[in-house]
Amino acid sequence: MEELFKNKTPNASDLIKYAEKRGWNMSQSKNGPIKFKDKNGIERLIIKKGSPRTIGSEMPHVEIKNSQGKRIDPYGVSVSKKSPKNHTPINWDL
């Protein structure tokens, strides 16, 4: 994952390709974010366009989880739900 973020802000489409390469399954409700689950049913990526309704989530971002379902940053460091690093900025190109 960290190679996508090294010295740049990745596009949402880059994250989708990353997840598809790993065989993760995509889902999306009518107006919801793009979610990817691994073969064990763990949500690994949530790609969000951003919403002014939620403070801290206004801009496009990705939420990342490890294989245990714990929130992490792109470098594998644990983060809390309210941490700014839980909302890692991305470019929305979808």
N, C-alpha and C. Protein backbone atom coordinates (compact mmCIF):
# COMPACT_ATOMS: atom_id res chain seq x y z
N MET A 1 0.82 -1.19 0.00
CA MET A 1 0.00 0.00 0.00
C MET A 1 0.86 1.25 0.00
N GLU A 2 1.94 1.25 0.78
CA GLU A 2 2.70 2.49 0.91
C GLU A 2 3.29 2.96 -0.41
N GLU A 3 3.54 2.05 -1.36
CA GLU A 3 4.10 2.47 -2.65
C GLU A 3 3.13 3.40 -3.41
N LEU A 4 1.83 3.26 -3.15
CA LEU A 4 0.85 4.14 -3.79
C LEU A 4 0.93 5.57 -3.26
N PHE A 5 1.39 5.71 -2.03
CA PHE A 5 1.40 7.02 -1.37
C PHE A 5 2.78 7.67 -1.33
N LYS A 6 3.80 6.95 -1.75
CA LYS A 6 5.16 7.47 -1.67
C LYS A 6 5.33 8.68 -2.59
N ASN A 7 5.55 9.83 -2.00
CA ASN A 7 5.79 11.09 -2.72
C ASN A 7 4.65 11.57 -3.58
N LYS A 8 3.42 11.07 -3.31
CA LYS A 8 2.28 11.54 -4.11
C LYS A 8 0.96 11.21 -3.42
N THR A 9 -0.08 11.80 -3.93
CA THR A 9 -1.43 11.47 -3.51
C THR A 9 -2.04 10.59 -4.60
N PRO A 10 -2.42 9.36 -4.27
CA PRO A 10 -2.92 8.46 -5.31
C PRO A 10 -4.35 8.81 -5.75
N ASN A 11 -4.70 8.33 -6.89
CA ASN A 11 -6.07 8.47 -7.39
C ASN A 11 -6.93 7.34 -6.84
N ALA A 12 -8.22 7.58 -6.77
CA ALA A 12 -9.16 6.54 -6.35
C ALA A 12 -9.04 5.32 -7.26
N SER A 13 -8.84 5.54 -8.55
CA SER A 13 -8.71 4.42 -9.50
C SER A 13 -7.46 3.58 -9.21
N ASP A 14 -6.39 4.19 -8.70
CA ASP A 14 -5.18 3.44 -8.31
C ASP A 14 -5.49 2.49 -7.16
N LEU A 15 -6.30 2.96 -6.22
CA LEU A 15 -6.67 2.13 -5.07
C LEU A 15 -7.56 0.97 -5.49
N ILE A 16 -8.44 1.23 -6.44
CA ILE A 16 -9.30 0.16 -6.95
C ILE A 16 -8.45 -0.92 -7.62
N LYS A 17 -7.50 -0.51 -8.44
CA LYS A 17 -6.60 -1.48 -9.09
C LYS A 17 -5.82 -2.27 -8.04
N TYR A 18 -5.34 -1.60 -7.01
CA TYR A 18 -4.60 -2.24 -5.94
C TYR A 18 -5.46 -3.34 -5.28
N ALA A 19 -6.69 -3.00 -4.95
CA ALA A 19 -7.59 -3.95 -4.29
C ALA A 19 -7.95 -5.12 -5.22
N GLU A 20 -8.21 -4.82 -6.48
CA GLU A 20 -8.56 -5.87 -7.43
C GLU A 20 -7.40 -6.85 -7.63
N LYS A 21 -6.16 -6.35 -7.64
CA LYS A 21 -4.98 -7.21 -7.77
C LYS A 21 -4.90 -8.22 -6.63
N ARG A 22 -5.40 -7.84 -5.49
CA ARG A 22 -5.37 -8.70 -4.31
C ARG A 22 -6.59 -9.62 -4.22
N GLY A 23 -7.49 -9.48 -5.17
CA GLY A 23 -8.67 -10.34 -5.19
C GLY A 23 -9.75 -9.93 -4.21
N TRP A 24 -9.68 -8.68 -3.71
CA TRP A 24 -10.69 -8.21 -2.78
C TRP A 24 -11.98 -7.91 -3.54
N ASN A 25 -13.11 -8.12 -2.88
CA ASN A 25 -14.42 -7.94 -3.50
C ASN A 25 -14.96 -6.54 -3.24
N MET A 26 -15.44 -5.91 -4.31
CA MET A 26 -15.97 -4.56 -4.22
C MET A 26 -17.47 -4.59 -3.99
N SER A 27 -17.95 -3.64 -3.21
CA SER A 27 -19.39 -3.42 -3.04
C SER A 27 -19.62 -1.92 -2.89
N GLN A 28 -20.84 -1.53 -3.19
CA GLN A 28 -21.20 -0.13 -3.03
C GLN A 28 -22.71 -0.02 -2.99
N SER A 29 -23.24 0.63 -1.96
CA SER A 29 -24.67 0.88 -1.91
C SER A 29 -24.98 2.06 -2.84
N LYS A 30 -26.23 2.35 -3.03
CA LYS A 30 -26.66 3.37 -3.99
C LYS A 30 -25.89 4.69 -3.87
N ASN A 31 -25.81 5.24 -2.69
CA ASN A 31 -25.11 6.52 -2.50
C ASN A 31 -23.92 6.40 -1.57
N GLY A 32 -23.47 5.18 -1.33
CA GLY A 32 -22.41 4.96 -0.36
C GLY A 32 -21.02 4.92 -0.96
N PRO A 33 -20.03 4.75 -0.08
CA PRO A 33 -18.64 4.66 -0.53
C PRO A 33 -18.34 3.32 -1.18
N ILE A 34 -17.23 3.26 -1.87
CA ILE A 34 -16.75 2.01 -2.47
C ILE A 34 -16.02 1.25 -1.38
N LYS A 35 -16.42 0.00 -1.16
CA LYS A 35 -15.80 -0.82 -0.12
C LYS A 35 -15.20 -2.07 -0.74
N PHE A 36 -14.06 -2.46 -0.21
CA PHE A 36 -13.40 -3.70 -0.63
C PHE A 36 -13.21 -4.60 0.58
N LYS A 37 -13.65 -5.85 0.45
CA LYS A 37 -13.46 -6.85 1.50
C LYS A 37 -12.51 -7.93 0.98
N ASP A 38 -11.70 -8.45 1.91
CA ASP A 38 -10.79 -9.54 1.53
C ASP A 38 -11.54 -10.88 1.56
N LYS A 39 -10.83 -11.97 1.28
CA LYS A 39 -11.47 -13.29 1.20
C LYS A 39 -12.06 -13.75 2.52
N ASN A 40 -11.64 -13.13 3.63
CA ASN A 40 -12.17 -13.47 4.95
C ASN A 40 -13.33 -12.56 5.37
N GLY A 41 -13.75 -11.67 4.47
CA GLY A 41 -14.86 -10.77 4.76
C GLY A 41 -14.48 -9.53 5.54
N ILE A 42 -13.18 -9.27 5.69
CA ILE A 42 -12.71 -8.08 6.41
C ILE A 42 -12.69 -6.90 5.45
N GLU A 43 -13.34 -5.80 5.84
CA GLU A 43 -13.26 -4.57 5.04
C GLU A 43 -11.84 -4.06 5.09
N ARG A 44 -11.20 -3.93 3.93
CA ARG A 44 -9.80 -3.50 3.88
C ARG A 44 -9.66 -2.07 3.39
N LEU A 45 -10.50 -1.64 2.45
CA LEU A 45 -10.46 -0.27 1.93
C LEU A 45 -11.86 0.28 1.83
N ILE A 46 -12.01 1.54 2.22
CA ILE A 46 -13.25 2.27 2.00
C ILE A 46 -12.85 3.57 1.31
N ILE A 47 -13.27 3.70 0.07
CA ILE A 47 -12.90 4.86 -0.76
C ILE A 47 -14.08 5.82 -0.76
N LYS A 48 -13.84 7.02 -0.25
CA LYS A 48 -14.93 7.99 -0.08
C LYS A 48 -14.68 9.26 -0.88
N LYS A 49 -15.72 9.74 -1.52
CA LYS A 49 -15.65 10.97 -2.31
C LYS A 49 -15.55 12.20 -1.41
N GLY A 50 -16.05 12.07 -0.20
CA GLY A 50 -16.07 13.20 0.73
C GLY A 50 -17.47 13.76 0.86
N SER A 51 -17.76 14.32 2.01
CA SER A 51 -19.08 14.86 2.27
C SER A 51 -18.98 16.02 3.26
N PRO A 52 -19.65 17.13 2.96
CA PRO A 52 -19.63 18.26 3.89
C PRO A 52 -20.43 17.98 5.16
N ARG A 53 -21.19 16.87 5.18
CA ARG A 53 -22.01 16.54 6.36
C ARG A 53 -21.16 16.12 7.55
N THR A 54 -19.95 15.63 7.29
CA THR A 54 -19.12 15.10 8.36
C THR A 54 -17.82 15.87 8.46
N ILE A 55 -17.59 16.53 9.58
CA ILE A 55 -16.36 17.30 9.78
C ILE A 55 -15.16 16.35 9.74
N GLY A 56 -14.16 16.72 8.94
CA GLY A 56 -12.97 15.91 8.77
C GLY A 56 -13.06 14.96 7.59
N SER A 57 -14.24 14.85 7.01
CA SER A 57 -14.45 13.93 5.88
C SER A 57 -14.93 14.65 4.63
N GLU A 58 -14.66 15.95 4.55
CA GLU A 58 -15.18 16.75 3.44
C GLU A 58 -14.52 16.42 2.10
N MET A 59 -13.26 16.06 2.13
CA MET A 59 -12.50 15.84 0.90
C MET A 59 -12.39 14.34 0.59
N PRO A 60 -12.08 13.99 -0.67
CA PRO A 60 -11.90 12.58 -1.01
C PRO A 60 -10.80 11.95 -0.14
N HIS A 61 -11.09 10.74 0.35
CA HIS A 61 -10.13 10.06 1.21
C HIS A 61 -10.37 8.56 1.20
N VAL A 62 -9.41 7.85 1.77
CA VAL A 62 -9.54 6.39 1.90
C VAL A 62 -9.32 6.03 3.36
N GLU A 63 -10.10 5.06 3.80
CA GLU A 63 -9.90 4.47 5.13
C GLU A 63 -9.35 3.08 4.89
N ILE A 64 -8.29 2.74 5.60
CA ILE A 64 -7.56 1.49 5.37
C ILE A 64 -7.58 0.64 6.64
N LYS A 65 -7.76 -0.66 6.45
CA LYS A 65 -7.71 -1.59 7.59
C LYS A 65 -6.78 -2.75 7.25
N ASN A 66 -6.17 -3.30 8.29
CA ASN A 66 -5.29 -4.45 8.09
C ASN A 66 -6.11 -5.75 8.09
N SER A 67 -5.44 -6.88 8.01
CA SER A 67 -6.14 -8.16 7.90
C SER A 67 -6.90 -8.54 9.17
N GLN A 68 -6.64 -7.84 10.27
CA GLN A 68 -7.40 -8.06 11.50
C GLN A 68 -8.57 -7.07 11.63
N GLY A 69 -8.73 -6.20 10.64
CA GLY A 69 -9.81 -5.22 10.68
C GLY A 69 -9.49 -3.98 11.49
N LYS A 70 -8.23 -3.79 11.86
CA LYS A 70 -7.81 -2.61 12.63
C LYS A 70 -7.44 -1.48 11.68
N ARG A 71 -7.84 -0.27 12.04
CA ARG A 71 -7.56 0.91 11.21
C ARG A 71 -6.06 1.19 11.19
N ILE A 72 -5.55 1.46 9.97
CA ILE A 72 -4.14 1.77 9.79
C ILE A 72 -3.98 2.91 8.79
N ASP A 73 -2.80 3.51 8.78
CA ASP A 73 -2.47 4.49 7.75
C ASP A 73 -1.83 3.73 6.57
N PRO A 74 -1.47 4.40 5.49
CA PRO A 74 -0.89 3.70 4.33
C PRO A 74 0.41 2.97 4.61
N TYR A 75 1.04 3.26 5.75
CA TYR A 75 2.32 2.66 6.09
C TYR A 75 2.18 1.54 7.13
N GLY A 76 0.93 1.19 7.47
CA GLY A 76 0.68 0.09 8.39
C GLY A 76 0.66 0.47 9.86
N VAL A 77 0.72 1.76 10.15
CA VAL A 77 0.70 2.23 11.54
C VAL A 77 -0.74 2.35 12.02
N SER A 78 -1.03 1.81 13.20
CA SER A 78 -2.39 1.87 13.77
C SER A 78 -2.83 3.32 13.96
N VAL A 79 -4.09 3.58 13.66
CA VAL A 79 -4.69 4.90 13.88
C VAL A 79 -6.07 4.70 14.50
N SER A 80 -6.56 5.73 15.15
CA SER A 80 -7.89 5.65 15.75
C SER A 80 -8.94 6.12 14.73
N LYS A 81 -10.19 5.83 15.04
CA LYS A 81 -11.29 6.23 14.16
C LYS A 81 -11.32 7.74 13.94
N LYS A 82 -11.00 8.50 14.95
CA LYS A 82 -11.07 9.97 14.86
C LYS A 82 -9.77 10.62 14.43
N SER A 83 -8.75 9.84 14.21
CA SER A 83 -7.46 10.37 13.79
C SER A 83 -7.54 10.93 12.36
N PRO A 84 -6.88 12.07 12.10
CA PRO A 84 -6.84 12.57 10.72
C PRO A 84 -6.19 11.57 9.77
N LYS A 85 -5.31 10.73 10.28
CA LYS A 85 -4.65 9.73 9.44
C LYS A 85 -5.59 8.60 9.04
N ASN A 86 -6.75 8.52 9.70
CA ASN A 86 -7.77 7.55 9.30
C ASN A 86 -8.46 8.01 8.02
N HIS A 87 -8.35 9.28 7.71
CA HIS A 87 -8.94 9.87 6.50
C HIS A 87 -7.79 10.31 5.58
N THR A 88 -7.13 9.34 4.96
CA THR A 88 -5.97 9.61 4.12
C THR A 88 -6.42 10.23 2.80
N PRO A 89 -5.96 11.44 2.47
CA PRO A 89 -6.40 12.12 1.25
C PRO A 89 -6.05 11.35 -0.02
N ILE A 90 -6.97 11.42 -0.98
CA ILE A 90 -6.77 10.85 -2.33
C ILE A 90 -7.31 11.83 -3.35
N ASN A 91 -6.98 11.60 -4.61
CA ASN A 91 -7.58 12.37 -5.71
C ASN A 91 -8.77 11.58 -6.23
N TRP A 92 -9.88 12.24 -6.38
CA TRP A 92 -11.10 11.60 -6.89
C TRP A 92 -11.09 11.69 -8.41
N ASP A 93 -10.92 10.55 -9.07
CA ASP A 93 -10.87 10.54 -10.54
C ASP A 93 -11.92 9.60 -11.14
N LEU A 94 -12.94 9.29 -10.37
CA LEU A 94 -13.97 8.37 -10.84
C LEU A 94 -15.19 9.11 -11.36
